[in-house]
Amino acid sequence: MTYKQHTTRKSRWIVTGNGEFVSQHNSSFEAGESAANWSASNGGAIANIEPPAYEVYIDMGSVTVPEEEEEVVVSSSSATPEEEEVVVSSSSAAPVVPPVTNPNPPATGVMLTPGAGLPTPMPSLNIIGDVDEVAIANWNVVPERQLFGDFNAGVVAHHVDGIDHVAFSLDGGPWKLIKTPSINPRTNCEEYWATIPEGSGWRELRAVAVPTKGKPKSLPTTRLYAGENEELFREIVLEAGTHDGGQLMNSVGEHREGWVTIRAAEGVERNKVIIIGNMRTSRDMQLRFEGITRKLGQWDEHNGSKNWSVKWWFDNCRIEGNTRSRWIVHESGRQYYTDTTITDMQTTFSGATLLARNVVIERGWEDICRTFGMMVNVRINKLYQGEFSTYHADVFQWHGAVLSNFIAQDVSSPITRGQGLFTGDMQNSAFLRVNLDIDQQPNKFYYSLQMQGETKNVLLKDCGLSPGILRVDKGFSADRLVLDNVAIPQHANIPGVEIRN
């Protein structure tokens, strides 16, 4: 089989530590600095620096790839991801879970019953049926946030063979099953959700995503705080005007539980409260911005630090970059973006585990997502490198690390002058209703879907990702890649690729 080669893989330096992805960089100097800081933060453990693995090619002519003759074979792996909390036995019996009350509740409006505290660790959750692919699931909740009144908490969950239910337990109380995903009115996202009743103090929420067959996934316990607590949830209120980010950071100090909120004063529009300047910090903190505009300047002017304990949350904010803005947050533990608008960034999401929900990206000019986590209800109005970058643009691009447990749901980009889903090694991930329209330019050819490397337990469902190609010449192999209502890419007749249309 012959096709035109139009590879435009970017060259980057990758830093890994303890076998896990740490960061990626445009230069060896940045990578060395990141590796040194990660090592210092992890007791002197050695961080590895991997040089760029691919050159950049532009229209190198034709490449001939032997066409696979075999029938499609659906294979599976018994390996358990490192982050997986589920203990799996070889039995095909139904999963062993705590006793369930109300086993057939309606799809929405299920009120959780709190218990007296966390139970003992989860019992073993057995493989169901004759496949062992793990469920793919993430919380659609910012942890340690403050609650007032009843609160709808949800999980986005998928599996190559379908999800049977998600079970929730509050404060060690009885497990309740949600059988059908629906729109959570709090998030406006399709998810499995239940309601935490009004209470006081810390609440501990657990969830288990159980597939129709395969391996259940126990999500990490998430803590939420109900009621007032001025110490845990300190506020810094800003009037209209321009404020120095460095001074704001110095006023916060360390804040390891709850969230410090920097917000606009009541009645002041977010475009009237502007934060500028460098906001790097080495202090442990959880910092939330609410209803403000963050303006980023030069390459080294950003939020973030070399401290992986720092967490950033932008809620109902506007984030503006310019032609020299490299990223929003650089190297921190977690990033949360909810109901926020972002524009003019080289890399929109990078350097941490991500939750991006109800986000509009007006314009990106290199990559939108290079990190792990979840994007749900995200629209990219325009992705175009223009005069700002010599690299081509990607909506999703991972290089040098194994992507695991990533979810993109209801993500769209009507104008993409670059590539769409550009993957290397990937496992235990799902893409649902991801629609990326490629704006082809003269003398250029971009793929909406280009997959390379080892792909294991990955679901693409109801996605507009055409044209697409599976790059067997770049090491693509499949251990259960399911394409469900997705345009069939080139070379789809590969063992381990399953087509459902």
Protein backbone atom coordinates (compact mmCIF):
# COMPACT_ATOMS: atom_id res chain seq x y z
CA MET A 1 0.00 0.00 0.00
CA THR A 2 1.38 3.43 -0.96
CA TYR A 3 0.58 6.83 0.45
CA LYS A 4 2.11 10.27 0.61
CA GLN A 5 4.20 10.95 3.70
CA HIS A 6 3.58 14.28 5.36
CA THR A 7 5.03 13.79 8.83
CA THR A 8 5.59 16.97 10.79
CA ARG A 9 6.49 15.54 14.18
CA LYS A 10 7.94 18.16 16.48
CA SER A 11 11.31 17.76 18.14
CA ARG A 12 11.17 18.02 21.94
CA TRP A 13 13.16 17.02 24.99
CA ILE A 14 11.24 14.79 27.40
CA VAL A 15 11.89 14.49 31.14
CA THR A 16 10.75 11.36 32.98
CA GLY A 17 11.12 10.33 36.62
CA ASN A 18 10.45 6.96 38.21
CA GLY A 19 9.21 5.81 34.82
CA GLU A 20 6.53 8.51 34.61
CA PHE A 21 6.18 11.60 32.46
CA VAL A 22 7.40 14.82 34.10
CA SER A 23 7.59 17.48 31.38
CA GLN A 24 8.56 18.29 27.80
CA HIS A 25 10.57 21.21 26.48
CA ASN A 26 11.74 23.05 23.41
CA SER A 27 15.40 23.04 24.48
CA SER A 28 17.88 20.81 26.27
CA PHE A 29 18.58 23.63 28.76
CA GLU A 30 14.96 23.72 29.91
CA ALA A 31 14.88 19.93 30.14
CA GLY A 32 18.03 19.87 32.26
CA GLU A 33 16.61 22.49 34.61
CA SER A 34 13.37 20.56 34.96
CA ALA A 35 15.20 17.28 35.61
CA ALA A 36 17.38 18.87 38.31
CA ASN A 37 14.40 20.39 40.09
CA TRP A 38 12.38 17.18 39.92
CA SER A 39 15.32 15.25 41.35
CA ALA A 40 15.68 17.74 44.21
CA SER A 41 11.97 17.44 44.96
CA ASN A 42 12.09 13.65 44.98
CA GLY A 43 14.91 12.87 47.37
CA GLY A 44 17.66 12.85 44.76
CA ALA A 45 15.95 10.32 42.50
CA ILE A 46 17.37 10.30 38.98
CA ALA A 47 15.32 12.03 36.29
CA ASN A 48 15.93 10.93 32.70
CA ILE A 49 16.18 13.28 29.74
CA GLU A 50 15.14 11.83 26.40
CA PRO A 51 16.32 13.76 23.32
CA PRO A 52 13.98 14.37 20.37
CA ALA A 53 13.04 11.08 18.77
CA TYR A 54 11.80 12.27 15.40
CA GLU A 55 13.09 14.62 12.78
CA VAL A 56 10.80 17.02 10.96
CA TYR A 57 9.78 16.04 7.44
CA ILE A 58 7.83 17.93 4.83
CA ASP A 59 6.51 15.99 1.84
CA MET A 60 9.24 13.39 1.42
CA GLY A 61 7.43 11.65 -1.40
CA SER A 62 5.78 8.25 -1.23
CA VAL A 63 6.19 5.52 1.35
CA THR A 64 5.12 1.96 0.69
CA VAL A 65 3.84 -0.08 3.61
CA PRO A 66 3.01 -3.81 3.32
CA GLU A 67 -0.71 -4.29 3.59
CA GLU A 68 -1.73 -6.57 6.43
CA GLU A 69 -3.47 -9.75 5.27
CA GLU A 70 -4.78 -11.01 8.58
CA GLU A 71 -8.31 -10.71 9.83
CA VAL A 72 -8.91 -8.20 12.61
CA VAL A 73 -7.95 -9.82 15.90
CA VAL A 74 -9.20 -8.36 19.15
CA SER A 75 -6.54 -8.91 21.77
CA SER A 76 -6.27 -7.80 25.36
CA SER A 77 -3.69 -7.19 28.02
CA SER A 78 -3.65 -8.31 31.62
CA ALA A 79 -1.29 -5.54 32.67
CA THR A 80 -2.61 -3.21 35.34
CA PRO A 81 -1.70 0.50 34.96
CA GLU A 82 0.57 1.80 37.68
CA GLU A 83 -2.03 4.24 38.86
CA GLU A 84 -4.75 1.60 38.98
CA GLU A 85 -6.14 1.15 42.48
CA VAL A 86 -8.19 -1.96 41.66
CA VAL A 87 -6.93 -5.36 42.84
CA VAL A 88 -7.83 -7.87 40.16
CA SER A 89 -8.14 -11.62 40.48
CA SER A 90 -8.22 -14.12 37.64
CA SER A 91 -11.83 -15.03 38.36
CA SER A 92 -14.52 -14.11 35.84
CA ALA A 93 -17.07 -13.58 38.59
CA ALA A 94 -18.95 -10.32 39.01
CA PRO A 95 -17.03 -7.59 40.90
CA VAL A 96 -17.14 -7.82 44.67
CA VAL A 97 -18.39 -4.48 46.00
CA PRO A 98 -19.91 -3.39 49.29
CA PRO A 99 -23.65 -4.04 49.69
CA VAL A 100 -25.73 -1.85 47.40
CA THR A 101 -28.91 -0.11 48.41
CA ASN A 102 -31.51 0.76 45.81
CA PRO A 103 -29.87 -1.33 43.06
CA ASN A 104 -32.00 0.14 40.25
CA PRO A 105 -32.23 3.87 40.92
CA PRO A 106 -33.30 6.37 38.27
CA ALA A 107 -30.52 7.79 36.10
CA THR A 108 -30.59 11.19 37.80
CA GLY A 109 -31.44 12.71 41.15
CA VAL A 110 -29.93 9.99 43.34
CA MET A 111 -29.23 11.33 46.84
CA LEU A 112 -26.27 9.74 48.61
CA THR A 113 -26.59 8.62 52.22
CA PRO A 114 -23.56 9.55 54.31
CA GLY A 115 -21.95 7.05 56.65
CA ALA A 116 -19.91 7.54 59.79
CA GLY A 117 -16.56 7.71 57.97
CA LEU A 118 -14.41 5.98 55.40
CA PRO A 119 -14.73 2.20 55.32
CA THR A 120 -11.85 -0.21 55.19
CA PRO A 121 -9.97 -0.32 51.86
CA MET A 122 -11.94 -1.42 48.83
CA PRO A 123 -12.31 -5.19 48.46
CA SER A 124 -10.97 -6.96 45.40
CA LEU A 125 -12.81 -6.09 42.20
CA ASN A 126 -12.75 -9.05 39.84
CA ILE A 127 -12.62 -9.10 36.08
CA ILE A 128 -16.07 -9.45 34.54
CA GLY A 129 -16.49 -11.80 31.60
CA ASP A 130 -13.80 -12.78 29.14
CA VAL A 131 -11.97 -9.46 28.57
CA ASP A 132 -9.73 -7.55 30.93
CA GLU A 133 -9.59 -3.98 29.58
CA VAL A 134 -9.94 -1.54 32.48
CA ALA A 135 -12.66 1.12 32.64
CA ILE A 136 -11.57 4.65 31.74
CA ALA A 137 -12.89 7.15 34.28
CA ASN A 138 -12.13 10.55 35.84
CA TRP A 139 -13.77 12.75 38.45
CA ASN A 140 -15.51 15.82 37.02
CA VAL A 141 -15.04 17.55 40.37
CA VAL A 142 -12.32 19.87 41.66
CA PRO A 143 -11.12 18.21 44.87
CA GLU A 144 -11.14 20.01 48.23
CA ARG A 145 -13.55 22.61 46.90
CA GLN A 146 -16.14 24.23 49.13
CA LEU A 147 -19.79 23.11 49.05
CA PHE A 148 -22.92 25.01 50.00
CA GLY A 149 -26.20 23.11 50.10
CA ASP A 150 -26.77 19.99 48.02
CA PHE A 151 -23.99 19.31 45.50
CA ASN A 152 -24.01 17.16 42.36
CA ALA A 153 -20.73 15.25 42.00
CA GLY A 154 -19.99 13.20 38.90
CA VAL A 155 -17.65 10.88 37.05
CA VAL A 156 -17.06 10.70 33.30
CA ALA A 157 -16.60 7.01 32.50
CA HIS A 158 -16.19 4.88 29.36
CA HIS A 159 -15.13 1.39 28.33
CA VAL A 160 -14.54 -0.28 24.96
CA ASP A 161 -17.41 -2.66 25.78
CA GLY A 162 -19.58 -0.17 27.65
CA ILE A 163 -20.09 0.92 31.26
CA ASP A 164 -22.68 -0.98 33.29
CA HIS A 165 -22.78 1.48 36.18
CA VAL A 166 -20.80 3.80 38.42
CA ALA A 167 -21.17 3.18 42.16
CA PHE A 168 -20.84 6.06 44.67
CA SER A 169 -20.32 6.03 48.44
CA LEU A 170 -20.26 9.08 50.73
CA ASP A 171 -18.40 9.06 54.05
CA GLY A 172 -18.42 5.26 54.10
CA GLY A 173 -22.17 5.09 53.57
CA PRO A 174 -24.10 2.60 51.40
CA TRP A 175 -23.08 2.26 47.77
CA LYS A 176 -25.58 3.53 45.22
CA LEU A 177 -25.49 2.72 41.53
CA ILE A 178 -25.93 5.13 38.63
CA LYS A 179 -26.74 3.03 35.57
CA THR A 180 -27.07 5.71 32.90
CA PRO A 181 -25.09 8.88 32.19
CA SER A 182 -27.07 12.10 31.92
CA ILE A 183 -26.49 15.85 31.93
CA ASN A 184 -25.38 17.04 35.35
CA PRO A 185 -27.12 20.41 35.78
CA ARG A 186 -24.16 21.70 37.80
CA THR A 187 -21.54 21.03 35.10
CA ASN A 188 -23.71 20.79 31.95
CA CYS A 189 -21.71 17.63 31.10
CA GLU A 190 -22.90 14.12 30.33
CA GLU A 191 -21.64 12.00 33.22
CA TYR A 192 -22.61 9.56 35.95
CA TRP A 193 -23.55 11.72 38.93
CA ALA A 194 -25.21 11.69 42.32
CA THR A 195 -26.08 14.30 44.92
CA ILE A 196 -24.21 14.98 48.16
CA PRO A 197 -26.73 16.27 50.72
CA GLU A 198 -26.10 19.45 52.66
CA GLY A 199 -23.78 18.91 55.61
CA SER A 200 -20.75 20.34 57.37
CA GLY A 201 -17.04 19.64 57.41
CA TRP A 202 -14.97 17.33 55.24
CA ARG A 203 -16.86 14.85 53.06
CA GLU A 204 -15.14 11.78 51.58
CA LEU A 205 -16.50 10.58 48.25
CA ARG A 206 -15.65 7.29 46.55
CA ALA A 207 -16.60 5.93 43.14
CA VAL A 208 -16.08 2.74 41.15
CA ALA A 209 -16.68 2.55 37.38
CA VAL A 210 -17.87 -0.95 36.48
CA PRO A 211 -17.90 -2.05 32.81
CA THR A 212 -20.35 -4.52 31.27
CA LYS A 213 -17.31 -6.77 30.96
CA GLY A 214 -13.70 -6.10 31.74
CA LYS A 215 -11.91 -4.60 34.73
CA PRO A 216 -13.61 -2.11 37.12
CA LYS A 217 -11.74 1.04 38.03
CA SER A 218 -11.70 2.44 41.55
CA LEU A 219 -11.19 6.20 41.44
CA PRO A 220 -9.02 7.94 44.04
CA THR A 221 -11.06 9.14 47.01
CA THR A 222 -11.90 12.82 46.65
CA ARG A 223 -12.38 15.19 49.59
CA LEU A 224 -14.84 18.08 49.58
CA TYR A 225 -15.65 20.58 52.33
CA ALA A 226 -19.19 21.56 53.22
CA GLY A 227 -19.90 24.91 54.87
CA GLU A 228 -17.90 27.95 55.91
CA ASN A 229 -14.25 27.85 56.94
CA GLU A 230 -12.31 31.10 56.54
CA GLU A 231 -8.99 29.44 57.29
CA LEU A 232 -9.34 26.73 54.66
CA PHE A 233 -11.00 29.03 52.13
CA ARG A 234 -9.33 32.40 52.50
CA GLU A 235 -10.30 35.09 49.97
CA ILE A 236 -8.39 37.98 48.43
CA VAL A 237 -10.89 40.38 46.87
CA LEU A 238 -9.75 42.69 44.06
CA GLU A 239 -11.38 45.88 42.90
CA ALA A 240 -11.28 47.03 39.28
CA GLY A 241 -7.77 47.79 38.05
CA THR A 242 -4.47 46.14 37.18
CA HIS A 243 -2.80 44.03 39.88
CA ASP A 244 0.70 42.60 40.16
CA GLY A 245 0.66 38.80 40.29
CA GLY A 246 3.94 38.52 42.16
CA GLN A 247 2.67 40.68 45.00
CA LEU A 248 -0.51 38.63 45.20
CA MET A 249 1.53 35.42 45.42
CA ASN A 250 3.67 36.84 48.23
CA SER A 251 0.53 37.65 50.21
CA VAL A 252 -0.77 34.07 50.06
CA GLY A 253 1.95 32.04 51.76
CA GLU A 254 1.56 28.27 51.91
CA HIS A 255 -1.93 26.81 51.66
CA ARG A 256 -2.02 23.01 51.48
CA GLU A 257 -5.70 22.33 52.21
CA GLY A 258 -8.79 23.94 50.76
CA TRP A 259 -8.29 26.82 48.32
CA VAL A 260 -7.17 30.43 48.54
CA THR A 261 -9.41 32.35 46.16
CA ILE A 262 -8.31 35.53 44.40
CA ARG A 263 -11.50 37.00 42.97
CA ALA A 264 -13.15 40.10 41.62
CA ALA A 265 -15.22 42.15 44.03
CA GLU A 266 -18.97 41.69 43.89
CA GLY A 267 -20.47 43.36 40.83
CA VAL A 268 -17.11 43.94 39.08
CA GLU A 269 -16.83 42.34 35.64
CA ARG A 270 -13.90 40.04 35.02
CA ASN A 271 -12.47 42.19 32.23
CA LYS A 272 -12.09 45.01 34.75
CA VAL A 273 -9.86 43.02 37.14
CA ILE A 274 -6.55 42.30 35.42
CA ILE A 275 -3.61 40.36 36.87
CA ILE A 276 -0.21 40.73 35.18
CA GLY A 277 3.40 39.74 35.88
CA ASN A 278 5.19 36.57 36.88
CA MET A 279 3.40 34.26 39.30
CA ARG A 280 5.98 31.55 39.90
CA THR A 281 6.26 30.08 43.37
CA SER A 282 7.99 27.26 45.23
CA ARG A 283 5.49 27.24 48.10
CA ASP A 284 2.93 24.46 48.53
CA MET A 285 -0.45 25.95 47.73
CA GLN A 286 -3.85 25.46 46.16
CA LEU A 287 -4.75 28.70 44.42
CA ARG A 288 -8.05 29.56 42.77
CA PHE A 289 -8.80 32.57 40.55
CA GLU A 290 -12.44 33.54 40.12
CA GLY A 291 -13.94 36.10 37.77
CA ILE A 292 -10.67 37.80 36.77
CA THR A 293 -8.57 38.36 33.63
CA ARG A 294 -5.04 36.97 33.64
CA LYS A 295 -2.70 38.56 31.06
CA LEU A 296 0.52 36.74 30.26
CA GLY A 297 3.57 38.40 28.74
CA GLN A 298 7.01 37.13 27.77
CA TRP A 299 8.34 33.57 27.46
CA ASP A 300 9.31 33.28 31.13
CA GLU A 301 6.30 35.13 32.50
CA HIS A 302 3.76 32.57 33.60
CA ASN A 303 2.01 30.87 36.47
CA GLY A 304 3.67 27.81 37.89
CA SER A 305 6.80 26.53 39.51
CA LYS A 306 9.03 23.54 39.90
CA ASN A 307 6.90 22.42 42.84
CA TRP A 308 4.53 19.57 41.95
CA SER A 309 2.44 20.26 45.08
CA VAL A 310 1.13 23.52 43.62
CA LYS A 311 -2.39 23.34 42.17
CA TRP A 312 -4.04 26.05 40.05
CA TRP A 313 -7.74 26.59 39.42
CA PHE A 314 -9.14 29.19 37.01
CA ASP A 315 -12.91 29.51 37.44
CA ASN A 316 -14.98 31.87 35.27
CA CYS A 317 -11.80 33.63 34.15
CA ARG A 318 -10.32 35.01 30.95
CA ILE A 319 -6.69 34.13 30.19
CA GLU A 320 -4.95 36.18 27.50
CA GLY A 321 -1.54 35.48 26.02
CA ASN A 322 0.32 37.22 23.24
CA THR A 323 2.79 36.31 20.52
CA ARG A 324 5.42 35.40 23.12
CA SER A 325 3.29 33.49 25.65
CA ARG A 326 4.54 29.93 25.92
CA TRP A 327 2.10 28.35 28.38
CA ILE A 328 -0.42 29.24 31.07
CA VAL A 329 1.03 27.14 33.88
CA HIS A 330 4.50 25.62 33.83
CA GLU A 331 5.22 22.47 35.84
CA SER A 332 2.79 22.11 38.70
CA GLY A 333 0.81 19.23 40.18
CA ARG A 334 -2.66 19.84 38.79
CA GLN A 335 -4.51 22.42 36.73
CA TYR A 336 -8.25 23.05 36.68
CA TYR A 337 -10.06 25.29 34.17
CA THR A 338 -13.83 25.66 34.57
CA ASP A 339 -16.12 28.02 32.62
CA THR A 340 -13.08 29.89 31.35
CA THR A 341 -12.01 31.56 28.09
CA ILE A 342 -8.41 31.31 26.85
CA THR A 343 -6.68 32.91 23.88
CA ASP A 344 -3.29 33.30 22.14
CA MET A 345 -1.17 30.64 23.82
CA GLN A 346 1.65 28.60 22.32
CA THR A 347 0.63 25.62 24.47
CA THR A 348 -2.71 25.87 26.20
CA PHE A 349 -2.56 22.84 28.51
CA SER A 350 0.84 21.50 29.54
CA GLY A 351 2.88 20.28 32.48
CA ALA A 352 0.31 18.82 34.90
CA THR A 353 -2.75 16.61 35.27
CA LEU A 354 -5.69 18.49 33.79
CA LEU A 355 -9.40 19.08 34.20
CA ALA A 356 -10.72 21.46 31.53
CA ARG A 357 -14.51 21.83 31.61
CA ASN A 358 -16.72 24.26 29.70
CA VAL A 359 -13.73 26.05 28.19
CA VAL A 360 -13.59 28.18 25.05
CA ILE A 361 -10.18 28.61 23.41
CA GLU A 362 -10.48 31.54 21.05
CA ARG A 363 -7.12 30.94 19.43
CA GLY A 364 -4.15 28.64 19.93
CA TRP A 365 -1.03 28.88 17.83
CA GLU A 366 0.85 25.66 18.47
CA ASP A 367 -0.58 22.84 20.60
CA ILE A 368 -3.77 22.77 22.63
CA CYS A 369 -3.17 19.72 24.85
CA ARG A 370 0.12 18.04 25.80
CA THR A 371 -0.87 16.82 29.25
CA PHE A 372 -2.83 14.04 30.99
CA GLY A 373 -6.30 14.18 32.54
CA MET A 374 -9.62 15.22 30.96
CA MET A 375 -11.13 17.77 28.58
CA VAL A 376 -14.93 17.91 28.49
CA ASN A 377 -17.11 20.50 26.72
CA VAL A 378 -14.18 22.34 25.14
CA ARG A 379 -14.33 24.37 21.93
CA ILE A 380 -11.26 25.61 20.06
CA ASN A 381 -12.43 28.38 17.75
CA LYS A 382 -9.15 28.61 15.84
CA LEU A 383 -5.84 26.77 15.89
CA TYR A 384 -3.26 28.27 13.57
CA GLN A 385 0.49 28.73 13.91
CA GLY A 386 0.54 31.78 11.64
CA GLU A 387 3.73 33.76 12.00
CA PHE A 388 4.13 32.80 15.65
CA SER A 389 5.73 29.36 15.41
CA THR A 390 7.92 27.27 13.11
CA TYR A 391 6.27 24.09 14.44
CA HIS A 392 3.01 22.83 13.06
CA ALA A 393 -0.04 22.97 15.32
CA ASP A 394 -1.85 20.04 16.98
CA VAL A 395 -5.08 19.88 18.96
CA PHE A 396 -3.79 16.84 20.88
CA GLN A 397 -0.10 15.96 20.81
CA TRP A 398 1.86 13.66 23.10
CA HIS A 399 5.47 12.76 22.56
CA GLY A 400 7.92 10.68 24.57
CA ALA A 401 5.51 9.50 27.27
CA VAL A 402 2.83 6.83 27.57
CA LEU A 403 -0.54 8.56 27.72
CA SER A 404 -2.89 6.79 30.15
CA ASN A 405 -6.45 7.34 31.42
CA PHE A 406 -7.07 10.43 29.30
CA ILE A 407 -10.61 11.43 28.34
CA ALA A 408 -11.71 13.94 25.72
CA GLN A 409 -15.48 14.32 25.48
CA ASP A 410 -17.44 16.87 23.45
CA VAL A 411 -14.37 18.66 22.08
CA SER A 412 -14.53 20.55 18.78
CA SER A 413 -12.31 22.73 16.62
CA PRO A 414 -13.97 24.24 13.52
CA ILE A 415 -10.74 25.79 12.14
CA THR A 416 -7.59 23.74 12.58
CA ARG A 417 -4.61 24.57 10.39
CA GLY A 418 -2.54 21.71 11.67
CA GLN A 419 -3.25 18.20 12.90
CA GLY A 420 -5.92 16.89 15.20
CA LEU A 421 -5.27 13.81 17.32
CA PHE A 422 -1.52 13.11 17.00
CA THR A 423 -0.52 10.29 19.36
CA GLY A 424 2.44 8.15 20.29
CA ASP A 425 2.15 5.36 22.88
CA MET A 426 -1.31 5.47 24.44
CA GLN A 427 -3.37 3.25 26.72
CA ASN A 428 -6.65 3.24 28.66
CA SER A 429 -8.02 6.40 27.03
CA ALA A 430 -11.29 7.50 25.41
CA PHE A 431 -12.33 10.13 22.87
CA LEU A 432 -16.10 10.74 22.57
CA ARG A 433 -17.73 13.22 20.18
CA VAL A 434 -14.41 14.81 19.29
CA ASN A 435 -14.86 16.71 16.01
CA LEU A 436 -11.84 18.40 14.46
CA ASP A 437 -12.22 20.13 11.09
CA ILE A 438 -8.92 20.44 9.24
CA ASP A 439 -8.48 23.57 7.11
CA GLN A 440 -6.08 22.29 4.45
CA GLN A 441 -3.74 24.86 2.94
CA PRO A 442 -1.95 24.80 -0.43
CA ASN A 443 1.17 22.58 -0.41
CA LYS A 444 0.28 21.20 3.03
CA PHE A 445 -1.59 18.12 4.13
CA TYR A 446 -2.60 17.59 7.74
CA TYR A 447 -4.31 14.60 9.33
CA SER A 448 -7.21 14.94 11.70
CA LEU A 449 -6.16 11.56 13.13
CA GLN A 450 -2.57 10.29 13.07
CA MET A 451 -1.68 7.50 15.50
CA GLN A 452 1.83 6.20 16.14
CA GLY A 453 3.33 3.90 18.75
CA GLU A 454 1.74 1.19 20.88
CA THR A 455 -2.00 1.68 21.39
CA LYS A 456 -3.78 -0.39 24.06
CA ASN A 457 -7.39 -0.22 25.28
CA VAL A 458 -8.38 2.98 23.47
CA LEU A 459 -11.91 3.97 22.43
CA LEU A 460 -12.78 6.50 19.72
CA LYS A 461 -16.55 6.88 19.46
CA ASP A 462 -18.81 9.21 17.44
CA CYS A 463 -15.83 11.32 16.38
CA GLY A 464 -15.23 13.43 13.27
CA LEU A 465 -11.56 12.62 12.66
CA SER A 466 -11.00 12.44 8.92
CA PRO A 467 -8.62 12.10 7.16
CA GLY A 468 -6.90 9.60 9.42
CA ILE A 469 -3.95 7.26 9.27
CA LEU A 470 -2.47 4.55 11.48
CA ARG A 471 1.30 4.92 11.10
CA VAL A 472 2.62 1.39 11.00
CA ASP A 473 5.83 2.87 9.55
CA LYS A 474 6.20 4.82 12.82
CA GLY A 475 5.67 1.87 15.14
CA PHE A 476 1.87 1.82 15.40
CA SER A 477 0.46 -1.38 16.85
CA ALA A 478 -2.89 -2.11 18.47
CA ASP A 479 -3.98 -4.08 21.49
CA ARG A 480 -7.70 -3.26 21.31
CA LEU A 481 -8.23 0.04 19.52
CA VAL A 482 -12.00 0.41 19.00
CA LEU A 483 -13.26 2.80 16.30
CA ASP A 484 -17.01 3.17 16.87
CA ASN A 485 -18.76 5.40 14.31
CA VAL A 486 -15.46 6.91 13.23
CA ALA A 487 -14.32 7.27 9.61
CA ILE A 488 -12.01 4.35 8.89
CA PRO A 489 -8.42 5.58 8.66
CA GLN A 490 -5.78 4.30 6.29
CA HIS A 491 -4.33 0.91 7.31
CA ALA A 492 -7.24 0.10 9.63
CA ASN A 493 -6.92 -3.60 8.74
CA ILE A 494 -4.34 -4.16 11.47
CA PRO A 495 -4.61 -6.86 14.16
CA GLY A 496 -6.09 -5.37 17.31
CA VAL A 497 -8.10 -2.65 15.50
CA GLU A 498 -11.86 -3.15 15.88
CA ILE A 499 -14.27 -1.30 13.57
CA ARG A 500 -17.86 -0.59 14.64
CA ASN A 501 -20.01 1.45 12.30
